[in-house]
Amino acid sequence: MRLNDRRFALVLIAPAALFLAVFVAWPLVRFVSNAFYQISPIAGGPRTFVGFGNFATAFGSTAFQGAALRTIVYTVIVVTLEFTFGLAVALLFAALGDRSTVFRTVFMYPLMVAPVVAGLLWRFLLIDNFGILNELLRRIGLLHSTDQIGWLSDPRIALFSVAMPDIWLTTSFITLVLFAGLQNVPGEVIEAARIDGVPFPTLLFRVILPLLRPVIAVALIVRGIDAARAFDIILIQTNGGPQDSTTTLSLLIYRTMTRNGDPGLASAMGTVYLIAMLVVAAIAILAIWRPGGEEA
């Protein structure tokens, strides 16, 4: 039987579709369905249907509420700083043109570092008493002693401290995406604005950023979801402490599943987490990308 283009395309995507169905779709369905059961942590143990009981327990838990708030704060800190720094560097690279080739290559190096390695590295930089950062600040006279700032032991600043490795790791990603988007901005539009004497802030906010809406939407959605599920970087540095000040939803779900032995409750928390991420992504697409709308 001769294959037309449609059937040939289906044959090509069938292996990938089968892989996604077995290793992504089915586990996801099982994960969501587990949220409606009280499940024994023992393999082969009983499963008791409890309806929305696990969801009620999750929403009524102060630990879940606190972890959700910290996840939001952590995500806002990471994404805001990454986007700000990434946009500034992308604009600089675009202005330098071909002269920025070497700098672009060096700037992308952090993307090759594993999150666990980055967490360990920054733990040594920030750890109290003998951390390298505090020692440098002491030597230049900004601190009187190396234990003056407890980056990872002070609950008031610990969440920001554990965000620094994430910012260092993935600002390069935002820069790469935005720089690629800047290559597609029509040069004649920029040149016309410069000839008309348009100030750079006006050019940036009225011309460049509106033209970059789809690129910005992709960058913010990808990084926002990735930052919201931060786990290994925080686990390596503080394990959720001190005083649970760095316990995000990912860590809480992990602890509920492994330490507390409650797969049903962990699945309910994860399902809420998943739905929240989908809603945020949809809002970002509609608010930033504005598919089908007119470009500014």
C-alpha atoms as a PDB file:
ATOM      1  CA  MET A   1       0.000   0.000   0.000  1.00  0.00           C
ATOM      2  CA  ARG A   2       1.374   3.364  -1.012  1.00  0.00           C
ATOM      3  CA  LEU A   3       1.690   5.911   1.785  1.00  0.00           C
ATOM      4  CA  ASN A   4       0.513   9.447   1.231  1.00  0.00           C
ATOM      5  CA  ASP A   5       2.141  12.366   3.064  1.00  0.00           C
ATOM      6  CA  ARG A   6      -0.316  12.232   5.949  1.00  0.00           C
ATOM      7  CA  ARG A   7       0.142   8.522   6.602  1.00  0.00           C
ATOM      8  CA  PHE A   8       3.903   8.807   6.218  1.00  0.00           C
ATOM      9  CA  ALA A   9       3.942  11.597   8.821  1.00  0.00           C
ATOM     10  CA  LEU A  10       1.871   9.451  11.194  1.00  0.00           C
ATOM     11  CA  VAL A  11       4.305   6.558  10.776  1.00  0.00           C
ATOM     12  CA  LEU A  12       7.227   8.848  11.617  1.00  0.00           C
ATOM     13  CA  ILE A  13       5.660  10.289  14.773  1.00  0.00           C
ATOM     14  CA  ALA A  14       4.214   6.982  15.997  1.00  0.00           C
ATOM     15  CA  PRO A  15       7.336   5.904  18.008  1.00  0.00           C
ATOM     16  CA  ALA A  16       7.535   9.288  19.761  1.00  0.00           C
ATOM     17  CA  ALA A  17       3.786   9.290  20.418  1.00  0.00           C
ATOM     18  CA  LEU A  18       3.995   5.771  21.877  1.00  0.00           C
ATOM     19  CA  PHE A  19       6.918   6.788  24.080  1.00  0.00           C
ATOM     20  CA  LEU A  20       5.029   9.841  25.388  1.00  0.00           C
ATOM     21  CA  ALA A  21       1.896   7.795  25.999  1.00  0.00           C
ATOM     22  CA  VAL A  22       3.739   5.141  28.013  1.00  0.00           C
ATOM     23  CA  PHE A  23       6.205   7.287  29.938  1.00  0.00           C
ATOM     24  CA  VAL A  24       4.372  10.632  30.244  1.00  0.00           C
ATOM     25  CA  ALA A  25       0.611  10.410  29.693  1.00  0.00           C
ATOM     26  CA  TRP A  26      -0.052   7.200  31.632  1.00  0.00           C
ATOM     27  CA  PRO A  27       2.068   8.124  34.677  1.00  0.00           C
ATOM     28  CA  LEU A  28       0.364  11.533  34.698  1.00  0.00           C
ATOM     29  CA  VAL A  29      -3.086   9.933  34.659  1.00  0.00           C
ATOM     30  CA  ARG A  30      -2.071   7.608  37.485  1.00  0.00           C
ATOM     31  CA  PHE A  31      -0.597  10.497  39.442  1.00  0.00           C
ATOM     32  CA  VAL A  32      -3.784  12.562  39.217  1.00  0.00           C
ATOM     33  CA  SER A  33      -6.022   9.581  40.015  1.00  0.00           C
ATOM     34  CA  ASN A  34      -3.955   8.801  43.136  1.00  0.00           C
ATOM     35  CA  ALA A  35      -4.986  12.192  44.520  1.00  0.00           C
ATOM     36  CA  PHE A  36      -8.476  10.802  45.151  1.00  0.00           C
ATOM     37  CA  TYR A  37      -7.278   7.834  47.216  1.00  0.00           C
ATOM     38  CA  GLN A  38      -5.784   7.209  50.619  1.00  0.00           C
ATOM     39  CA  ILE A  39      -2.882   4.957  49.667  1.00  0.00           C
ATOM     40  CA  SER A  40      -0.806   2.773  51.927  1.00  0.00           C
ATOM     41  CA  PRO A  41       2.932   3.492  51.646  1.00  0.00           C
ATOM     42  CA  ILE A  42       3.532  -0.264  51.647  1.00  0.00           C
ATOM     43  CA  ALA A  43       3.778  -1.744  48.142  1.00  0.00           C
ATOM     44  CA  GLY A  44       0.588  -3.605  47.354  1.00  0.00           C
ATOM     45  CA  GLY A  45      -1.196  -2.014  50.315  1.00  0.00           C
ATOM     46  CA  PRO A  46      -4.852  -0.967  50.317  1.00  0.00           C
ATOM     47  CA  ARG A  47      -6.241   1.995  48.351  1.00  0.00           C
ATOM     48  CA  THR A  48      -9.259   3.737  49.857  1.00  0.00           C
ATOM     49  CA  PHE A  49     -11.277   6.202  47.807  1.00  0.00           C
ATOM     50  CA  VAL A  50     -11.598   9.496  49.702  1.00  0.00           C
ATOM     51  CA  GLY A  51     -12.827  11.802  46.932  1.00  0.00           C
ATOM     52  CA  PHE A  52     -11.612  15.367  47.474  1.00  0.00           C
ATOM     53  CA  GLY A  53     -10.457  14.607  51.019  1.00  0.00           C
ATOM     54  CA  ASN A  54      -6.778  14.880  50.136  1.00  0.00           C
ATOM     55  CA  PHE A  55      -7.355  18.221  48.444  1.00  0.00           C
ATOM     56  CA  ALA A  56      -9.195  19.535  51.512  1.00  0.00           C
ATOM     57  CA  THR A  57      -6.310  18.367  53.704  1.00  0.00           C
ATOM     58  CA  ALA A  58      -3.788  20.044  51.430  1.00  0.00           C
ATOM     59  CA  PHE A  59      -5.593  23.394  51.304  1.00  0.00           C
ATOM     60  CA  GLY A  60      -6.127  23.328  55.059  1.00  0.00           C
ATOM     61  CA  SER A  61      -2.467  22.625  55.776  1.00  0.00           C
ATOM     62  CA  THR A  62      -0.382  25.595  56.915  1.00  0.00           C
ATOM     63  CA  ALA A  63       2.686  23.807  55.512  1.00  0.00           C
ATOM     64  CA  PHE A  64       1.100  23.701  52.051  1.00  0.00           C
ATOM     65  CA  GLN A  65       0.007  27.331  52.235  1.00  0.00           C
ATOM     66  CA  GLY A  66       3.460  28.471  53.344  1.00  0.00           C
ATOM     67  CA  ALA A  67       5.220  26.375  50.692  1.00  0.00           C
ATOM     68  CA  ALA A  68       2.906  27.759  47.990  1.00  0.00           C
ATOM     69  CA  LEU A  69       3.659  31.332  49.047  1.00  0.00           C
ATOM     70  CA  ARG A  70       7.410  30.676  49.141  1.00  0.00           C
ATOM     71  CA  THR A  71       7.234  29.053  45.700  1.00  0.00           C
ATOM     72  CA  ILE A  72       5.546  32.158  44.296  1.00  0.00           C
ATOM     73  CA  VAL A  73       8.073  34.492  45.932  1.00  0.00           C
ATOM     74  CA  TYR A  74      11.005  32.342  44.778  1.00  0.00           C
ATOM     75  CA  THR A  75       9.686  32.204  41.209  1.00  0.00           C
ATOM     76  CA  VAL A  76       9.070  35.962  41.065  1.00  0.00           C
ATOM     77  CA  ILE A  77      12.576  36.700  42.378  1.00  0.00           C
ATOM     78  CA  VAL A  78      14.286  34.311  39.983  1.00  0.00           C
ATOM     79  CA  VAL A  79      12.322  35.145  36.835  1.00  0.00           C
ATOM     80  CA  THR A  80      12.347  38.925  37.417  1.00  0.00           C
ATOM     81  CA  LEU A  81      16.107  39.122  37.971  1.00  0.00           C
ATOM     82  CA  GLU A  82      16.887  36.674  35.170  1.00  0.00           C
ATOM     83  CA  PHE A  83      14.725  38.579  32.701  1.00  0.00           C
ATOM     84  CA  THR A  84      16.176  41.949  33.726  1.00  0.00           C
ATOM     85  CA  PHE A  85      19.801  40.798  33.527  1.00  0.00           C
ATOM     86  CA  GLY A  86      19.148  38.656  30.442  1.00  0.00           C
ATOM     87  CA  LEU A  87      17.499  41.493  28.523  1.00  0.00           C
ATOM     88  CA  ALA A  88      20.298  43.911  29.414  1.00  0.00           C
ATOM     89  CA  VAL A  89      23.003  41.472  28.263  1.00  0.00           C
ATOM     90  CA  ALA A  90      21.052  40.519  25.115  1.00  0.00           C
ATOM     91  CA  LEU A  91      20.748  44.198  24.156  1.00  0.00           C
ATOM     92  CA  LEU A  92      24.472  44.642  24.794  1.00  0.00           C
ATOM     93  CA  PHE A  93      25.343  41.640  22.616  1.00  0.00           C
ATOM     94  CA  ALA A  94      23.042  42.896  19.865  1.00  0.00           C
ATOM     95  CA  ALA A  95      24.694  46.312  19.982  1.00  0.00           C
ATOM     96  CA  LEU A  96      28.174  44.759  19.773  1.00  0.00           C
ATOM     97  CA  GLY A  97      27.219  42.553  16.831  1.00  0.00           C
ATOM     98  CA  ASP A  98      29.921  40.115  15.710  1.00  0.00           C
ATOM     99  CA  ARG A  99      32.303  41.530  18.326  1.00  0.00           C
ATOM    100  CA  SER A 100      30.247  39.786  21.031  1.00  0.00           C
ATOM    101  CA  THR A 101      30.914  36.255  19.727  1.00  0.00           C
ATOM    102  CA  VAL A 102      33.531  35.361  22.333  1.00  0.00           C
ATOM    103  CA  PHE A 103      31.576  36.999  25.132  1.00  0.00           C
ATOM    104  CA  ARG A 104      28.416  35.098  24.132  1.00  0.00           C
ATOM    105  CA  THR A 105      30.319  31.821  24.248  1.00  0.00           C
ATOM    106  CA  VAL A 106      31.753  32.512  27.709  1.00  0.00           C
ATOM    107  CA  PHE A 107      28.411  33.776  29.005  1.00  0.00           C
ATOM    108  CA  MET A 108      26.741  30.469  28.063  1.00  0.00           C
ATOM    109  CA  TYR A 109      29.099  28.349  30.188  1.00  0.00           C
ATOM    110  CA  PRO A 110      26.814  28.220  33.274  1.00  0.00           C
ATOM    111  CA  LEU A 111      24.206  26.367  31.186  1.00  0.00           C
ATOM    112  CA  MET A 112      26.597  23.397  31.102  1.00  0.00           C
ATOM    113  CA  VAL A 113      26.781  23.152  34.899  1.00  0.00           C
ATOM    114  CA  ALA A 114      24.488  20.615  36.563  1.00  0.00           C
ATOM    115  CA  PRO A 115      22.092  22.116  39.159  1.00  0.00           C
ATOM    116  CA  VAL A 116      23.479  19.829  41.877  1.00  0.00           C
ATOM    117  CA  VAL A 117      27.015  21.038  41.163  1.00  0.00           C
ATOM    118  CA  ALA A 118      25.821  24.649  41.159  1.00  0.00           C
ATOM    119  CA  GLY A 119      24.094  24.104  44.497  1.00  0.00           C
ATOM    120  CA  LEU A 120      27.257  22.677  46.048  1.00  0.00           C
ATOM    121  CA  LEU A 121      29.384  25.464  44.591  1.00  0.00           C
ATOM    122  CA  TRP A 122      27.166  28.222  45.934  1.00  0.00           C
ATOM    123  CA  ARG A 123      26.837  26.474  49.271  1.00  0.00           C
ATOM    124  CA  PHE A 124      30.595  26.788  49.700  1.00  0.00           C
ATOM    125  CA  LEU A 125      30.397  30.417  48.592  1.00  0.00           C
ATOM    126  CA  LEU A 126      27.603  31.345  51.004  1.00  0.00           C
ATOM    127  CA  ILE A 127      28.078  29.049  54.004  1.00  0.00           C
ATOM    128  CA  ASP A 128      28.436  30.854  57.336  1.00  0.00           C
ATOM    129  CA  ASN A 129      31.736  31.570  59.092  1.00  0.00           C
ATOM    130  CA  PHE A 130      34.060  30.398  56.317  1.00  0.00           C
ATOM    131  CA  GLY A 131      32.069  31.135  53.158  1.00  0.00           C
ATOM    132  CA  ILE A 132      34.100  32.678  50.351  1.00  0.00           C
ATOM    133  CA  LEU A 133      31.635  35.525  49.754  1.00  0.00           C
ATOM    134  CA  ASN A 134      31.642  36.713  53.361  1.00  0.00           C
ATOM    135  CA  GLU A 135      35.422  36.420  53.476  1.00  0.00           C
ATOM    136  CA  LEU A 136      35.728  38.639  50.404  1.00  0.00           C
ATOM    137  CA  LEU A 137      33.283  41.163  51.872  1.00  0.00           C
ATOM    138  CA  ARG A 138      35.295  41.196  55.101  1.00  0.00           C
ATOM    139  CA  ARG A 139      38.579  41.746  53.284  1.00  0.00           C
ATOM    140  CA  ILE A 140      37.263  44.778  51.405  1.00  0.00           C
ATOM    141  CA  GLY A 141      35.855  46.219  54.630  1.00  0.00           C
ATOM    142  CA  LEU A 142      32.114  45.761  54.114  1.00  0.00           C
ATOM    143  CA  LEU A 143      31.826  43.219  56.951  1.00  0.00           C
ATOM    144  CA  HIS A 144      33.450  43.125  60.363  1.00  0.00           C
ATOM    145  CA  SER A 145      33.386  39.316  60.590  1.00  0.00           C
ATOM    146  CA  THR A 146      32.576  36.418  58.294  1.00  0.00           C
ATOM    147  CA  ASP A 147      29.527  35.388  60.327  1.00  0.00           C
ATOM    148  CA  GLN A 148      27.886  38.801  60.106  1.00  0.00           C
ATOM    149  CA  ILE A 149      25.558  37.727  57.272  1.00  0.00           C
ATOM    150  CA  GLY A 150      24.022  34.263  57.507  1.00  0.00           C
ATOM    151  CA  TRP A 151      23.120  33.767  53.881  1.00  0.00           C
ATOM    152  CA  LEU A 152      21.849  30.209  54.369  1.00  0.00           C
ATOM    153  CA  SER A 153      21.057  30.311  58.100  1.00  0.00           C
ATOM    154  CA  ASP A 154      19.007  33.502  58.373  1.00  0.00           C
ATOM    155  CA  PRO A 155      15.329  32.729  57.608  1.00  0.00           C
ATOM    156  CA  ARG A 156      14.799  36.320  56.459  1.00  0.00           C
ATOM    157  CA  ILE A 157      17.211  36.088  53.510  1.00  0.00           C
ATOM    158  CA  ALA A 158      17.643  32.342  52.972  1.00  0.00           C
ATOM    159  CA  LEU A 159      15.050  32.171  50.187  1.00  0.00           C
ATOM    160  CA  PHE A 160      16.853  34.892  48.232  1.00  0.00           C
ATOM    161  CA  SER A 161      20.194  33.197  48.892  1.00  0.00           C
ATOM    162  CA  VAL A 162      19.117  29.852  47.451  1.00  0.00           C
ATOM    163  CA  ALA A 163      17.750  31.717  44.418  1.00  0.00           C
ATOM    164  CA  MET A 164      21.173  33.109  43.506  1.00  0.00           C
ATOM    165  CA  PRO A 165      22.525  29.833  42.016  1.00  0.00           C
ATOM    166  CA  ASP A 166      19.366  29.498  39.926  1.00  0.00           C
ATOM    167  CA  ILE A 167      19.789  33.056  38.643  1.00  0.00           C
ATOM    168  CA  TRP A 168      23.451  32.424  37.883  1.00  0.00           C
ATOM    169  CA  LEU A 169      22.676  29.177  36.076  1.00  0.00           C
ATOM    170  CA  THR A 170      19.861  30.231  33.779  1.00  0.00           C
ATOM    171  CA  THR A 171      20.233  33.941  33.079  1.00  0.00           C
ATOM    172  CA  SER A 172      22.244  32.659  30.106  1.00  0.00           C
ATOM    173  CA  PHE A 173      19.130  30.877  28.819  1.00  0.00           C
ATOM    174  CA  ILE A 174      17.028  34.047  28.943  1.00  0.00           C
ATOM    175  CA  THR A 175      19.843  35.969  27.253  1.00  0.00           C
ATOM    176  CA  LEU A 176      20.117  33.366  24.501  1.00  0.00           C
ATOM    177  CA  VAL A 177      16.365  33.396  23.802  1.00  0.00           C
ATOM    178  CA  LEU A 178      16.062  37.189  23.831  1.00  0.00           C
ATOM    179  CA  PHE A 179      19.198  37.640  21.730  1.00  0.00           C
ATOM    180  CA  ALA A 180      17.760  35.261  19.130  1.00  0.00           C
ATOM    181  CA  GLY A 181      14.527  37.245  19.174  1.00  0.00           C
ATOM    182  CA  LEU A 182      16.391  40.521  18.702  1.00  0.00           C
ATOM    183  CA  GLN A 183      17.885  39.179  15.470  1.00  0.00           C
ATOM    184  CA  ASN A 184      14.369  39.117  13.995  1.00  0.00           C
ATOM    185  CA  VAL A 185      13.501  42.702  14.943  1.00  0.00           C
ATOM    186  CA  PRO A 186      13.411  44.678  11.648  1.00  0.00           C
ATOM    187  CA  GLY A 187      16.508  46.842  11.495  1.00  0.00           C
ATOM    188  CA  GLU A 188      14.731  49.513   9.447  1.00  0.00           C
ATOM    189  CA  VAL A 189      12.235  50.058  12.261  1.00  0.00           C
ATOM    190  CA  ILE A 190      15.030  50.663  14.772  1.00  0.00           C
ATOM    191  CA  GLU A 191      16.900  52.895  12.343  1.00  0.00           C
ATOM    192  CA  ALA A 192      13.782  54.951  11.593  1.00  0.00           C
ATOM    193  CA  ALA A 193      13.158  55.468  15.302  1.00  0.00           C
ATOM    194  CA  ARG A 194      16.752  56.605  15.825  1.00  0.00           C
ATOM    195  CA  ILE A 195      16.541  59.045  12.916  1.00  0.00           C
ATOM    196  CA  ASP A 196      13.373  60.497  14.447  1.00  0.00           C
ATOM    197  CA  GLY A 197      15.283  61.050  17.672  1.00  0.00           C
ATOM    198  CA  VAL A 198      13.282  58.572  19.754  1.00  0.00           C
ATOM    199  CA  PRO A 199      14.935  58.148  23.215  1.00  0.00           C
ATOM    200  CA  PHE A 200      16.232  54.663  23.967  1.00  0.00           C
ATOM    201  CA  PRO A 201      13.746  53.972  26.832  1.00  0.00           C
ATOM    202  CA  THR A 202      10.852  54.815  24.496  1.00  0.00           C
ATOM    203  CA  LEU A 203      12.400  52.712  21.730  1.00  0.00           C
ATOM    204  CA  LEU A 204      12.790  49.790  24.133  1.00  0.00           C
ATOM    205  CA  PHE A 205       9.318  49.848  25.673  1.00  0.00           C
ATOM    206  CA  ARG A 206       7.302  51.010  22.648  1.00  0.00           C
ATOM    207  CA  VAL A 207       9.072  49.211  19.803  1.00  0.00           C
ATOM    208  CA  ILE A 208      11.505  46.456  20.797  1.00  0.00           C
ATOM    209  CA  LEU A 209       9.614  44.770  23.646  1.00  0.00           C
ATOM    210  CA  PRO A 210       6.246  44.706  21.811  1.00  0.00           C
ATOM    211  CA  LEU A 211       7.949  43.054  18.841  1.00  0.00           C
ATOM    212  CA  LEU A 212       9.491  40.508  21.212  1.00  0.00           C
ATOM    213  CA  ARG A 213       6.185  39.504  22.815  1.00  0.00           C
ATOM    214  CA  PRO A 214       6.136  35.883  21.541  1.00  0.00           C
ATOM    215  CA  VAL A 215       9.788  35.378  22.493  1.00  0.00           C
ATOM    216  CA  ILE A 216       9.263  36.941  25.922  1.00  0.00           C
ATOM    217  CA  ALA A 217       6.202  34.763  26.499  1.00  0.00           C
ATOM    218  CA  VAL A 218       8.143  31.587  25.705  1.00  0.00           C
ATOM    219  CA  ALA A 219      11.090  32.627  27.876  1.00  0.00           C
ATOM    220  CA  LEU A 220       8.963  33.600  30.878  1.00  0.00           C
ATOM    221  CA  ILE A 221       6.715  30.534  30.692  1.00  0.00           C
ATOM    222  CA  VAL A 222       9.601  28.066  30.348  1.00  0.00           C
ATOM    223  CA  ARG A 223      11.673  29.702  33.078  1.00  0.00           C
ATOM    224  CA  GLY A 224       8.688  30.371  35.320  1.00  0.00           C
ATOM    225  CA  ILE A 225       7.631  26.716  35.334  1.00  0.00           C
ATOM    226  CA  ASP A 226      11.238  25.570  35.710  1.00  0.00           C
ATOM    227  CA  ALA A 227      11.878  27.961  38.615  1.00  0.00           C
ATOM    228  CA  ALA A 228       8.613  27.026  40.331  1.00  0.00           C
ATOM    229  CA  ARG A 229       9.639  23.365  40.404  1.00  0.00           C
ATOM    230  CA  ALA A 230      13.124  24.097  41.789  1.00  0.00           C
ATOM    231  CA  PHE A 231      14.185  21.160  43.910  1.00  0.00           C
ATOM    232  CA  ASP A 232      17.793  19.971  43.692  1.00  0.00           C
ATOM    233  CA  ILE A 233      19.428  23.397  44.083  1.00  0.00           C
ATOM    234  CA  ILE A 234      17.457  24.103  47.266  1.00  0.00           C
ATOM    235  CA  LEU A 235      17.820  20.557  48.609  1.00  0.00           C
ATOM    236  CA  ILE A 236      21.613  20.676  48.285  1.00  0.00           C
ATOM    237  CA  GLN A 237      21.972  24.085  49.904  1.00  0.00           C
ATOM    238  CA  THR A 238      19.504  24.110  52.810  1.00  0.00           C
ATOM    239  CA  ASN A 239      17.257  21.026  52.572  1.00  0.00           C
ATOM    240  CA  GLY A 240      14.327  23.397  53.061  1.00  0.00           C
ATOM    241  CA  GLY A 241      15.687  25.112  56.185  1.00  0.00           C
ATOM    242  CA  PRO A 242      16.258  27.085  58.240  1.00  0.00           C
ATOM    243  CA  GLN A 243      12.841  26.863  59.904  1.00  0.00           C
ATOM    244  CA  ASP A 244      11.301  25.763  56.593  1.00  0.00           C
ATOM    245  CA  SER A 245      12.047  29.204  55.150  1.00  0.00           C
ATOM    246  CA  THR A 246      13.188  27.643  51.847  1.00  0.00           C
ATOM    247  CA  THR A 247      10.689  24.778  51.681  1.00  0.00           C
ATOM    248  CA  THR A 248       8.937  25.133  48.315  1.00  0.00           C
ATOM    249  CA  LEU A 249       6.109  22.996  46.938  1.00  0.00           C
ATOM    250  CA  SER A 250       8.507  20.593  45.240  1.00  0.00           C
ATOM    251  CA  LEU A 251      10.309  19.905  48.522  1.00  0.00           C
ATOM    252  CA  LEU A 252       7.045  19.634  50.450  1.00  0.00           C
ATOM    253  CA  ILE A 253       5.589  17.138  47.974  1.00  0.00           C
ATOM    254  CA  TYR A 254       8.811  15.108  48.110  1.00  0.00           C
ATOM    255  CA  ARG A 255       8.737  15.032  51.919  1.00  0.00           C
ATOM    256  CA  THR A 256       5.041  14.162  52.012  1.00  0.00           C
ATOM    257  CA  MET A 257       5.685  11.251  49.690  1.00  0.00           C
ATOM    258  CA  THR A 258       8.902   9.877  51.155  1.00  0.00           C
ATOM    259  CA  ARG A 259       9.208  11.048  54.751  1.00  0.00           C
ATOM    260  CA  ASN A 260       5.519  11.075  55.720  1.00  0.00           C
ATOM    261  CA  GLY A 261       4.570   8.118  53.524  1.00  0.00           C
ATOM    262  CA  ASP A 262       1.349   9.642  52.144  1.00  0.00           C
ATOM    263  CA  PRO A 263       1.283   9.178  48.333  1.00  0.00           C
ATOM    264  CA  GLY A 264      -2.371  10.262  48.088  1.00  0.00           C
ATOM    265  CA  LEU A 265      -1.802  13.623  49.777  1.00  0.00           C
ATOM    266  CA  ALA A 266       1.409  14.164  47.809  1.00  0.00           C
ATOM    267  CA  SER A 267      -0.492  13.480  44.572  1.00  0.00           C
ATOM    268  CA  ALA A 268      -3.203  15.958  45.565  1.00  0.00           C
ATOM    269  CA  MET A 269      -0.598  18.649  46.239  1.00  0.00           C
ATOM    270  CA  GLY A 270       1.108  17.876  42.948  1.00  0.00           C
ATOM    271  CA  THR A 271      -2.182  18.015  41.045  1.00  0.00           C
ATOM    272  CA  VAL A 272      -2.964  21.453  42.471  1.00  0.00           C
ATOM    273  CA  TYR A 273       0.573  22.473  41.574  1.00  0.00           C
ATOM    274  CA  LEU A 274       0.119  21.208  37.993  1.00  0.00           C
ATOM    275  CA  ILE A 275      -3.205  23.005  37.511  1.00  0.00           C
ATOM    276  CA  ALA A 276      -1.733  26.248  38.881  1.00  0.00           C
ATOM    277  CA  MET A 277       1.162  26.035  36.411  1.00  0.00           C
ATOM    278  CA  LEU A 278      -1.237  25.469  33.501  1.00  0.00           C
ATOM    279  CA  VAL A 279      -3.346  28.460  34.529  1.00  0.00           C
ATOM    280  CA  VAL A 280      -0.305  30.712  34.900  1.00  0.00           C
ATOM    281  CA  ALA A 281       1.027  29.592  31.501  1.00  0.00           C
ATOM    282  CA  ALA A 282      -2.349  30.293  29.845  1.00  0.00           C
ATOM    283  CA  ILE A 283      -2.546  33.750  31.428  1.00  0.00           C
ATOM    284  CA  ALA A 284       1.024  34.524  30.323  1.00  0.00           C
ATOM    285  CA  ILE A 285       0.249  33.513  26.742  1.00  0.00           C
ATOM    286  CA  LEU A 286      -2.893  35.659  26.617  1.00  0.00           C
ATOM    287  CA  ALA A 287      -1.367  38.657  28.411  1.00  0.00           C
ATOM    288  CA  ILE A 288       2.102  38.735  26.830  1.00  0.00           C
ATOM    289  CA  TRP A 289       1.942  36.885  23.537  1.00  0.00           C
ATOM    290  CA  ARG A 290      -1.652  37.926  22.684  1.00  0.00           C
ATOM    291  CA  PRO A 291      -2.070  35.286  19.956  1.00  0.00           C
ATOM    292  CA  GLY A 292      -4.241  36.517  17.122  1.00  0.00           C
ATOM    293  CA  GLY A 293      -3.950  40.120  18.250  1.00  0.00           C
ATOM    294  CA  GLU A 294      -2.323  42.992  16.484  1.00  0.00           C
ATOM    295  CA  GLU A 295       1.346  43.566  17.027  1.00  0.00           C
ATOM    296  CA  ALA A 296       2.119  46.924  18.600  1.00  0.00           C
END
